[in-house]
PDB file of N, CA and C in Angstrom:
ATOM      1  N   MET A   1     -64.967-212.648  23.822  1.00  0.00           N
ATOM      2  CA  MET A   1     -64.441-214.054  23.408  1.00  0.00           C
ATOM      3  C   MET A   1     -63.156-213.669  23.184  1.00  0.00           C
ATOM      4  N   ASP A   2     -62.209-214.723  23.451  1.00  0.00           N
ATOM      5  CA  ASP A   2     -60.967-214.663  23.581  1.00  0.00           C
ATOM      6  C   ASP A   2     -60.704-216.004  22.155  1.00  0.00           C
ATOM      7  N   ILE A   3     -59.539-215.474  21.351  1.00  0.00           N
ATOM      8  CA  ILE A   3     -58.504-216.486  20.520  1.00  0.00           C
ATOM      9  C   ILE A   3     -57.400-216.558  20.800  1.00  0.00           C
ATOM     10  N   THR A   4     -56.934-217.837  20.883  1.00  0.00           N
ATOM     11  CA  THR A   4     -55.532-218.193  21.195  1.00  0.00           C
ATOM     12  C   THR A   4     -55.111-218.307  20.135  1.00  0.00           C
ATOM     13  N   ASN A   5     -53.612-218.213  19.494  1.00  0.00           N
ATOM     14  CA  ASN A   5     -52.490-218.246  18.599  1.00  0.00           C
ATOM     15  C   ASN A   5     -52.137-219.668  19.202  1.00  0.00           C
ATOM     16  N   LYS A   6     -52.463-220.275  17.940  1.00  0.00           N
ATOM     17  CA  LYS A   6     -51.803-221.914  18.402  1.00  0.00           C
ATOM     18  C   LYS A   6     -50.880-222.440  17.593  1.00  0.00           C
ATOM     19  N   THR A   7     -50.159-221.549  16.871  1.00  0.00           N
ATOM     20  CA  THR A   7     -48.879-221.426  15.899  1.00  0.00           C
ATOM     21  C   THR A   7     -47.696-221.410  16.753  1.00  0.00           C
ATOM     22  N   THR A   8     -46.349-221.797  15.923  1.00  0.00           N
ATOM     23  CA  THR A   8     -45.102-220.998  16.796  1.00  0.00           C
ATOM     24  C   THR A   8     -44.606-220.127  16.336  1.00  0.00           C
ATOM     25  N   LYS A   9     -45.242-219.335  15.364  1.00  0.00           N
ATOM     26  CA  LYS A   9     -45.104-217.892  14.815  1.00  0.00           C
ATOM     27  C   LYS A   9     -46.162-217.010  15.245  1.00  0.00           C
ATOM     28  N   PRO A  10     -45.669-215.548  15.349  1.00  0.00           N
ATOM     29  CA  PRO A  10     -46.580-214.389  15.533  1.00  0.00           C
ATOM     30  C   PRO A  10     -47.535-214.682  14.056  1.00  0.00           C
ATOM     31  N   LEU A  11     -48.905-214.204  14.961  1.00  0.00           N
ATOM     32  CA  LEU A  11     -50.116-214.258  13.786  1.00  0.00           C
ATOM     33  C   LEU A  11     -50.508-212.679  13.398  1.00  0.00           C
ATOM     34  N   SER A  12     -50.956-212.039  12.613  1.00  0.00           N
ATOM     35  CA  SER A  12     -51.592-210.666  12.133  1.00  0.00           C
ATOM     36  C   SER A  12     -52.781-211.390  11.985  1.00  0.00           C
ATOM     37  N   VAL A  13     -54.396-211.187  12.495  1.00  0.00           N
ATOM     38  CA  VAL A  13     -55.225-211.850  12.475  1.00  0.00           C
ATOM     39  C   VAL A  13     -56.304-210.382  11.775  1.00  0.00           C
ATOM     40  N   PRO A  14     -56.675-210.665  10.778  1.00  0.00           N
ATOM     41  CA  PRO A  14     -57.750-209.700   9.970  1.00  0.00           C
ATOM     42  C   PRO A  14     -58.773-209.744  10.685  1.00  0.00           C
ATOM     43  N   LEU A  15     -59.299-208.272  11.377  1.00  0.00           N
ATOM     44  CA  LEU A  15     -60.723-208.381  11.621  1.00  0.00           C
ATOM     45  C   LEU A  15     -61.805-207.243  11.076  1.00  0.00           C
ATOM     46  N   PRO A  16     -62.569-207.268  11.383  1.00  0.00           N
ATOM     47  CA  PRO A  16     -63.490-206.315  10.517  1.00  0.00           C
ATOM     48  C   PRO A  16     -63.221-205.038  10.687  1.00  0.00           C
ATOM     49  N   GLY A  17     -63.969-204.199   9.649  1.00  0.00           N
ATOM     50  CA  GLY A  17     -63.125-202.753   9.652  1.00  0.00           C
ATOM     51  C   GLY A  17     -61.685-202.394   9.163  1.00  0.00           C
ATOM     52  N   GLY A  18     -60.962-203.294   8.871  1.00  0.00           N
ATOM     53  CA  GLY A  18     -60.099-203.399   8.339  1.00  0.00           C
ATOM     54  C   GLY A  18     -58.857-203.563   9.194  1.00  0.00           C
ATOM     55  N   LYS A  19     -59.290-203.495  10.555  1.00  0.00           N
ATOM     56  CA  LYS A  19     -58.426-203.857  11.885  1.00  0.00           C
ATOM     57  C   LYS A  19     -57.754-204.995  11.872  1.00  0.00           C
ATOM     58  N   LYS A  20     -56.518-205.046  12.765  1.00  0.00           N
ATOM     59  CA  LYS A  20     -55.655-206.322  13.039  1.00  0.00           C
ATOM     60  C   LYS A  20     -55.303-206.514  14.518  1.00  0.00           C
ATOM     61  N   LEU A  21     -55.369-207.857  14.849  1.00  0.00           N
ATOM     62  CA  LEU A  21     -54.596-208.307  15.943  1.00  0.00           C
ATOM     63  C   LEU A  21     -53.624-209.160  15.864  1.00  0.00           C
ATOM     64  N   PHE A  22     -52.574-208.270  16.651  1.00  0.00           N
ATOM     65  CA  PHE A  22     -51.457-209.003  16.454  1.00  0.00           C
ATOM     66  C   PHE A  22     -51.369-210.290  17.523  1.00  0.00           C
ATOM     67  N   LEU A  23     -51.026-211.486  17.479  1.00  0.00           N
ATOM     68  CA  LEU A  23     -50.824-212.181  18.786  1.00  0.00           C
ATOM     69  C   LEU A  23     -49.339-212.989  18.691  1.00  0.00           C
ATOM     70  N   ALA A  24     -48.732-212.887  19.856  1.00  0.00           N
ATOM     71  CA  ALA A  24     -47.634-213.764  19.775  1.00  0.00           C
ATOM     72  C   ALA A  24     -47.758-215.124  19.882  1.00  0.00           C
ATOM     73  N   PRO A  25     -46.886-215.997  19.565  1.00  0.00           N
ATOM     74  CA  PRO A  25     -47.022-217.805  19.992  1.00  0.00           C
ATOM     75  C   PRO A  25     -47.601-217.801  21.306  1.00  0.00           C
ATOM     76  N   GLY A  26     -48.543-218.688  21.057  1.00  0.00           N
ATOM     77  CA  GLY A  26     -49.270-219.156  22.752  1.00  0.00           C
ATOM     78  C   GLY A  26     -50.199-217.971  23.561  1.00  0.00           C
ATOM     79  N   LYS A  27     -49.816-216.850  22.500  1.00  0.00           N
ATOM     80  CA  LYS A  27     -50.740-215.665  23.613  1.00  0.00           C
ATOM     81  C   LYS A  27     -52.439-215.529  22.948  1.00  0.00           C
ATOM     82  N   SER A  28     -53.294-215.236  23.812  1.00  0.00           N
ATOM     83  CA  SER A  28     -54.532-214.901  23.418  1.00  0.00           C
ATOM     84  C   SER A  28     -54.965-213.443  23.641  1.00  0.00           C
ATOM     85  N   GLY A  29     -56.161-213.374  23.010  1.00  0.00           N
ATOM     86  CA  GLY A  29     -56.709-211.943  22.713  1.00  0.00           C
ATOM     87  C   GLY A  29     -58.158-211.621  22.587  1.00  0.00           C
ATOM     88  N   GLN A  30     -58.719-210.875  22.947  1.00  0.00           N
ATOM     89  CA  GLN A  30     -60.233-210.786  22.502  1.00  0.00           C
ATOM     90  C   GLN A  30     -60.540-210.236  21.616  1.00  0.00           C
ATOM     91  N   VAL A  31     -61.988-210.344  21.075  1.00  0.00           N
ATOM     92  CA  VAL A  31     -62.264-209.926  19.771  1.00  0.00           C
ATOM     93  C   VAL A  31     -63.731-209.879  20.174  1.00  0.00           C
ATOM     94  N   SER A  32     -64.778-209.769  19.290  1.00  0.00           N
ATOM     95  CA  SER A  32     -66.167-209.372  19.690  1.00  0.00           C
ATOM     96  C   SER A  32     -66.411-210.315  19.123  1.00  0.00           C
ATOM     97  N   PRO A  33     -67.819-210.829  19.549  1.00  0.00           N
ATOM     98  CA  PRO A  33     -68.500-212.118  18.531  1.00  0.00           C
ATOM     99  C   PRO A  33     -68.928-212.090  17.306  1.00  0.00           C
ATOM    100  N   LYS A  34     -69.112-210.620  17.202  1.00  0.00           N
ATOM    101  CA  LYS A  34     -69.309-210.334  15.406  1.00  0.00           C
ATOM    102  C   LYS A  34     -67.972-210.486  14.385  1.00  0.00           C
ATOM    103  N   ALA A  35     -67.178-210.088  15.122  1.00  0.00           N
ATOM    104  CA  ALA A  35     -65.642-210.565  14.502  1.00  0.00           C
ATOM    105  C   ALA A  35     -65.727-212.249  14.408  1.00  0.00           C
ATOM    106  N   LEU A  36     -65.893-212.957  15.125  1.00  0.00           N
ATOM    107  CA  LEU A  36     -65.695-214.483  14.954  1.00  0.00           C
ATOM    108  C   LEU A  36     -66.646-215.140  13.597  1.00  0.00           C
ATOM    109  N   ALA A  37     -67.508-213.795  13.211  1.00  0.00           N
ATOM    110  CA  ALA A  37     -68.105-214.048  11.781  1.00  0.00           C
ATOM    111  C   ALA A  37     -67.290-214.088  10.629  1.00  0.00           C
ATOM    112  N   HIS A  38     -66.284-213.102  10.448  1.00  0.00           N
ATOM    113  CA  HIS A  38     -65.643-212.721   9.846  1.00  0.00           C
ATOM    114  C   HIS A  38     -64.945-213.517   8.851  1.00  0.00           C
ATOM    115  N   PRO A  39     -65.387-213.620   7.499  1.00  0.00           N
ATOM    116  CA  PRO A  39     -64.692-214.677   6.584  1.00  0.00           C
ATOM    117  C   PRO A  39     -63.010-215.271   6.985  1.00  0.00           C
ATOM    118  N   ALA A  40     -62.219-214.003   7.082  1.00  0.00           N
ATOM    119  CA  ALA A  40     -60.782-214.489   7.314  1.00  0.00           C
ATOM    120  C   ALA A  40     -60.821-215.108   8.553  1.00  0.00           C
ATOM    121  N   LEU A  41     -61.505-214.697   9.934  1.00  0.00           N
ATOM    122  CA  LEU A  41     -61.171-215.371  11.049  1.00  0.00           C
ATOM    123  C   LEU A  41     -61.242-216.705  10.937  1.00  0.00           C
ATOM    124  N   VAL A  42     -62.673-216.638  10.370  1.00  0.00           N
ATOM    125  CA  VAL A  42     -63.426-218.266  10.170  1.00  0.00           C
ATOM    126  C   VAL A  42     -62.241-218.971   9.484  1.00  0.00           C
ATOM    127  N   LYS A  43     -61.539-218.779   8.482  1.00  0.00           N
ATOM    128  CA  LYS A  43     -60.510-219.524   7.720  1.00  0.00           C
ATOM    129  C   LYS A  43     -59.629-219.914   8.584  1.00  0.00           C
ATOM    130  N   LEU A  44     -59.004-218.990   9.443  1.00  0.00           N
ATOM    131  CA  LEU A  44     -57.918-219.378   9.802  1.00  0.00           C
ATOM    132  C   LEU A  44     -58.297-220.363  11.355  1.00  0.00           C
ATOM    133  N   LEU A  45     -59.786-219.776  12.183  1.00  0.00           N
ATOM    134  CA  LEU A  45     -60.288-220.747  12.850  1.00  0.00           C
ATOM    135  C   LEU A  45     -59.907-222.425  12.272  1.00  0.00           C
ATOM    136  N   ASP A  46     -60.888-222.733  11.055  1.00  0.00           N
ATOM    137  CA  ASP A  46     -61.273-223.717  10.459  1.00  0.00           C
ATOM    138  C   ASP A  46     -59.141-224.760  10.292  1.00  0.00           C
ATOM    139  N   ALA A  47     -58.090-223.947  10.067  1.00  0.00           N
ATOM    140  CA  ALA A  47     -57.111-224.307   9.719  1.00  0.00           C
ATOM    141  C   ALA A  47     -56.552-224.765  10.816  1.00  0.00           C
ATOM    142  N   GLY A  48     -56.970-224.033  12.426  1.00  0.00           N
ATOM    143  CA  GLY A  48     -56.449-224.491  13.390  1.00  0.00           C
ATOM    144  C   GLY A  48     -55.490-223.452  13.811  1.00  0.00           C
ATOM    145  N   ASP A  49     -55.481-222.525  12.966  1.00  0.00           N
ATOM    146  CA  ASP A  49     -54.102-221.629  13.734  1.00  0.00           C
ATOM    147  C   ASP A  49     -54.796-220.985  14.784  1.00  0.00           C
ATOM    148  N   ILE A  50     -55.694-220.737  15.029  1.00  0.00           N
ATOM    149  CA  ILE A  50     -55.892-219.886  15.709  1.00  0.00           C
ATOM    150  C   ILE A  50     -57.295-220.520  16.789  1.00  0.00           C
ATOM    151  N   GLU A  51     -57.515-221.027  17.782  1.00  0.00           N
ATOM    152  CA  GLU A  51     -58.650-221.516  18.816  1.00  0.00           C
ATOM    153  C   GLU A  51     -59.460-220.550  19.469  1.00  0.00           C
ATOM    154  N   SER A  52     -60.690-220.855  19.860  1.00  0.00           N
ATOM    155  CA  SER A  52     -61.827-219.643  20.299  1.00  0.00           C
ATOM    156  C   SER A  52     -62.263-220.063  21.627  1.00  0.00           C
ATOM    157  N   SER A  53     -62.005-219.462  22.375  1.00  0.00           N
ATOM    158  CA  SER A  53     -62.768-220.156  23.845  1.00  0.00           C
ATOM    159  C   SER A  53     -63.734-219.375  24.086  1.00  0.00           C
ATOM    160  N   GLU A  54     -65.182-219.621  24.041  1.00  0.00           N
ATOM    161  CA  GLU A  54     -66.210-219.158  23.978  1.00  0.00           C
ATOM    162  C   GLU A  54     -66.575-219.104  25.454  1.00  0.00           C
ATOM    163  N   GLY A  55     -67.131-217.388  25.569  1.00  0.00           N
ATOM    164  CA  GLY A  55     -67.503-216.998  27.072  1.00  0.00           C
ATOM    165  C   GLY A  55     -66.126-216.728  27.926  1.00  0.00           C
ATOM    166  N   GLY A  56     -65.213-216.277  27.408  1.00  0.00           N
ATOM    167  CA  GLY A  56     -64.006-216.507  28.281  1.00  0.00           C
ATOM    168  C   GLY A  56     -63.890-215.076  28.993  1.00  0.00           C
ATOM    169  N   GLY A  57     -63.484-215.291  30.379  1.00  0.00           N
ATOM    170  CA  GLY A  57     -64.105-213.965  30.857  1.00  0.00           C
ATOM    171  C   GLY A  57     -62.293-213.855  31.430  1.00  0.00           C
ATOM    172  N   GLY A  58     -61.816-212.584  31.790  1.00  0.00           N
ATOM    173  CA  GLY A  58     -60.538-212.423  32.196  1.00  0.00           C
ATOM    174  C   GLY A  58     -60.106-211.212  31.429  1.00  0.00           C
ATOM    175  N   ARG A  59     -59.037-210.938  31.269  1.00  0.00           N
ATOM    176  CA  ARG A  59     -58.010-210.045  30.625  1.00  0.00           C
ATOM    177  C   ARG A  59     -57.396-210.705  29.384  1.00  0.00           C
ATOM    178  N   ALA A  60     -57.530-209.984  28.132  1.00  0.00           N
ATOM    179  CA  ALA A  60     -56.313-210.286  27.197  1.00  0.00           C
ATOM    180  C   ALA A  60     -54.790-210.176  27.865  1.00  0.00           C
ATOM    181  N   THR A  61     -53.653-211.482  27.272  1.00  0.00           N
ATOM    182  CA  THR A  61     -52.143-211.231  27.514  1.00  0.00           C
ATOM    183  C   THR A  61     -52.117-211.416  26.080  1.00  0.00           C
ATOM    184  N   GLY A  62     -51.869-210.291  25.631  1.00  0.00           N
ATOM    185  CA  GLY A  62     -51.255-209.627  24.403  1.00  0.00           C
ATOM    186  C   GLY A  62     -49.361-209.914  24.252  1.00  0.00           C
ATOM    187  N   GLY A  63     -49.089-209.210  23.280  1.00  0.00           N
ATOM    188  CA  GLY A  63     -47.794-209.323  23.125  1.00  0.00           C
ATOM    189  C   GLY A  63     -46.599-209.023  24.317  1.00  0.00           C
ATOM    190  N   GLY A  64     -47.188-207.665  24.928  1.00  0.00           N
ATOM    191  CA  GLY A  64     -46.191-207.378  26.031  1.00  0.00           C
ATOM    192  C   GLY A  64     -46.808-207.240  27.328  1.00  0.00           C
ATOM    193  N   ALA A  65     -46.027-206.766  28.496  1.00  0.00           N
ATOM    194  CA  ALA A  65     -46.645-206.865  30.141  1.00  0.00           C
ATOM    195  C   ALA A  65     -46.979-205.214  30.190  1.00  0.00           C
ATOM    196  N   ARG A  66     -47.975-204.943  30.972  1.00  0.00           N
ATOM    197  CA  ARG A  66     -48.335-203.813  31.561  1.00  0.00           C
ATOM    198  C   ARG A  66     -47.498-203.642  32.687  1.00  0.00           C
ATOM    199  N   ARG A  67     -47.109-202.371  32.696  1.00  0.00           N
ATOM    200  CA  ARG A  67     -46.320-201.975  33.817  1.00  0.00           C
ATOM    201  C   ARG A  67     -47.159-200.686  34.452  1.00  0.00           C
ATOM    202  N   ALA A  68     -46.699-200.548  35.660  1.00  0.00           N
ATOM    203  CA  ALA A  68     -47.403-199.083  36.327  1.00  0.00           C
ATOM    204  C   ALA A  68     -46.703-198.020  35.826  1.00  0.00           C
ATOM    205  N   PRO A  69     -47.088-196.889  35.801  1.00  0.00           N
ATOM    206  CA  PRO A  69     -46.461-195.664  35.207  1.00  0.00           C
ATOM    207  C   PRO A  69     -45.032-195.497  36.448  1.00  0.00           C
ATOM    208  N   GLN A  70     -43.834-194.794  35.950  1.00  0.00           N
ATOM    209  CA  GLN A  70     -43.423-194.340  36.941  1.00  0.00           C
ATOM    210  C   GLN A  70     -43.315-193.147  37.614  1.00  0.00           C
ATOM    211  N   THR A  71     -42.690-192.677  38.703  1.00  0.00           N
ATOM    212  CA  THR A  71     -42.826-191.572  39.292  1.00  0.00           C
ATOM    213  C   THR A  71     -41.332-191.174  39.321  1.00  0.00           C
ATOM    214  N   GLY A  72     -41.252-189.700  39.308  1.00  0.00           N
ATOM    215  CA  GLY A  72     -40.140-189.064  38.897  1.00  0.00           C
ATOM    216  C   GLY A  72     -39.198-189.065  37.757  1.00  0.00           C
ATOM    217  N   SER A  73     -38.155-188.561  38.109  1.00  0.00           N
ATOM    218  CA  SER A  73     -37.098-188.364  36.927  1.00  0.00           C
ATOM    219  C   SER A  73     -36.526-189.396  36.285  1.00  0.00           C
ATOM    220  N   ARG A  74     -36.371-189.337  35.236  1.00  0.00           N
ATOM    221  CA  ARG A  74     -35.921-190.748  34.361  1.00  0.00           C
ATOM    222  C   ARG A  74     -34.327-190.661  33.919  1.00  0.00           C
ATOM    223  N   HIS A  75     -33.706-189.209  34.630  1.00  0.00           N
ATOM    224  CA  HIS A  75     -32.382-189.332  34.295  1.00  0.00           C
ATOM    225  C   HIS A  75     -32.079-189.023  35.599  1.00  0.00           C
ATOM    226  N   GLY A  76     -32.400-189.436  36.828  1.00  0.00           N
ATOM    227  CA  GLY A  76     -31.649-189.484  37.994  1.00  0.00           C
ATOM    228  C   GLY A  76     -31.068-187.992  38.701  1.00  0.00           C
ATOM    229  N   GLY A  77     -31.777-186.502  37.748  1.00  0.00           N
ATOM    230  CA  GLY A  77     -31.530-185.636  38.498  1.00  0.00           C
ATOM    231  C   GLY A  77     -31.990-185.312  40.016  1.00  0.00           C
ATOM    232  N   THR A  78     -31.645-183.980  40.494  1.00  0.00           N
ATOM    233  CA  THR A  78     -32.057-183.581  41.750  1.00  0.00           C
ATOM    234  C   THR A  78     -33.562-182.896  41.497  1.00  0.00           C
ATOM    235  N   GLY A  79     -33.835-183.214  40.641  1.00  0.00           N
ATOM    236  CA  GLY A  79     -35.784-182.687  40.215  1.00  0.00           C
ATOM    237  C   GLY A  79     -35.592-181.282  39.955  1.00  0.00           C
ATOM    238  N   ALA A  80     -34.817-180.323  40.122  1.00  0.00           N
ATOM    239  CA  ALA A  80     -34.787-178.897  39.420  1.00  0.00           C
ATOM    240  C   ALA A  80     -34.619-178.885  37.857  1.00  0.00           C
ATOM    241  N   MET A  81     -35.378-177.616  37.887  1.00  0.00           N
ATOM    242  CA  MET A  81     -35.352-177.603  36.336  1.00  0.00           C
ATOM    243  C   MET A  81     -34.132-176.833  35.764  1.00  0.00           C
ATOM    244  N   ARG A  82     -33.551-177.072  34.733  1.00  0.00           N
ATOM    245  CA  ARG A  82     -32.567-176.609  34.084  1.00  0.00           C
ATOM    246  C   ARG A  82     -32.674-175.419  33.426  1.00  0.00           C
ATOM    247  N   GLN A  83     -32.004-173.962  33.952  1.00  0.00           N
ATOM    248  CA  GLN A  83     -32.684-172.851  33.229  1.00  0.00           C
ATOM    249  C   GLN A  83     -32.071-172.746  32.139  1.00  0.00           C
ATOM    250  N   SER A  84     -32.740-172.021  30.940  1.00  0.00           N
ATOM    251  CA  SER A  84     -31.908-171.774  29.635  1.00  0.00           C
ATOM    252  C   SER A  84     -32.267-170.632  29.491  1.00  0.00           C
ATOM    253  N   GLY A  85     -31.674-169.988  28.456  1.00  0.00           N
ATOM    254  CA  GLY A  85     -32.298-168.336  27.498  1.00  0.00           C
ATOM    255  C   GLY A  85     -31.739-167.475  28.678  1.00  0.00           C
ATOM    256  N   ASP A  86     -32.174-166.050  28.187  1.00  0.00           N
ATOM    257  CA  ASP A  86     -31.885-165.086  28.957  1.00  0.00           C
ATOM    258  C   ASP A  86     -32.492-165.117  30.462  1.00  0.00           C
ATOM    259  N   ARG A  87     -31.489-164.479  31.317  1.00  0.00           N
ATOM    260  CA  ARG A  87     -31.838-164.473  32.821  1.00  0.00           C
ATOM    261  C   ARG A  87     -32.107-163.125  33.366  1.00  0.00           C
TER     262      ARG A  87
END
């Protein structure tokens, strides 16, 4: 199930098991159908702070974008390891 933050401020959505889902303004995330029955989440749904889309397919678009892992050196060196200690 997808839920979307409809406010203009970031939300910390309490979930069962003491977990939290952090949603930026206008962003959405996925929760289990069991979590939609959690009293704190029902309160946010009733207040209109978040919206649930039933049966939402696709991935969650949370706070940050995912990037592919970088290859190579971060420092722009020649790739040779620097030796230290006794030789």
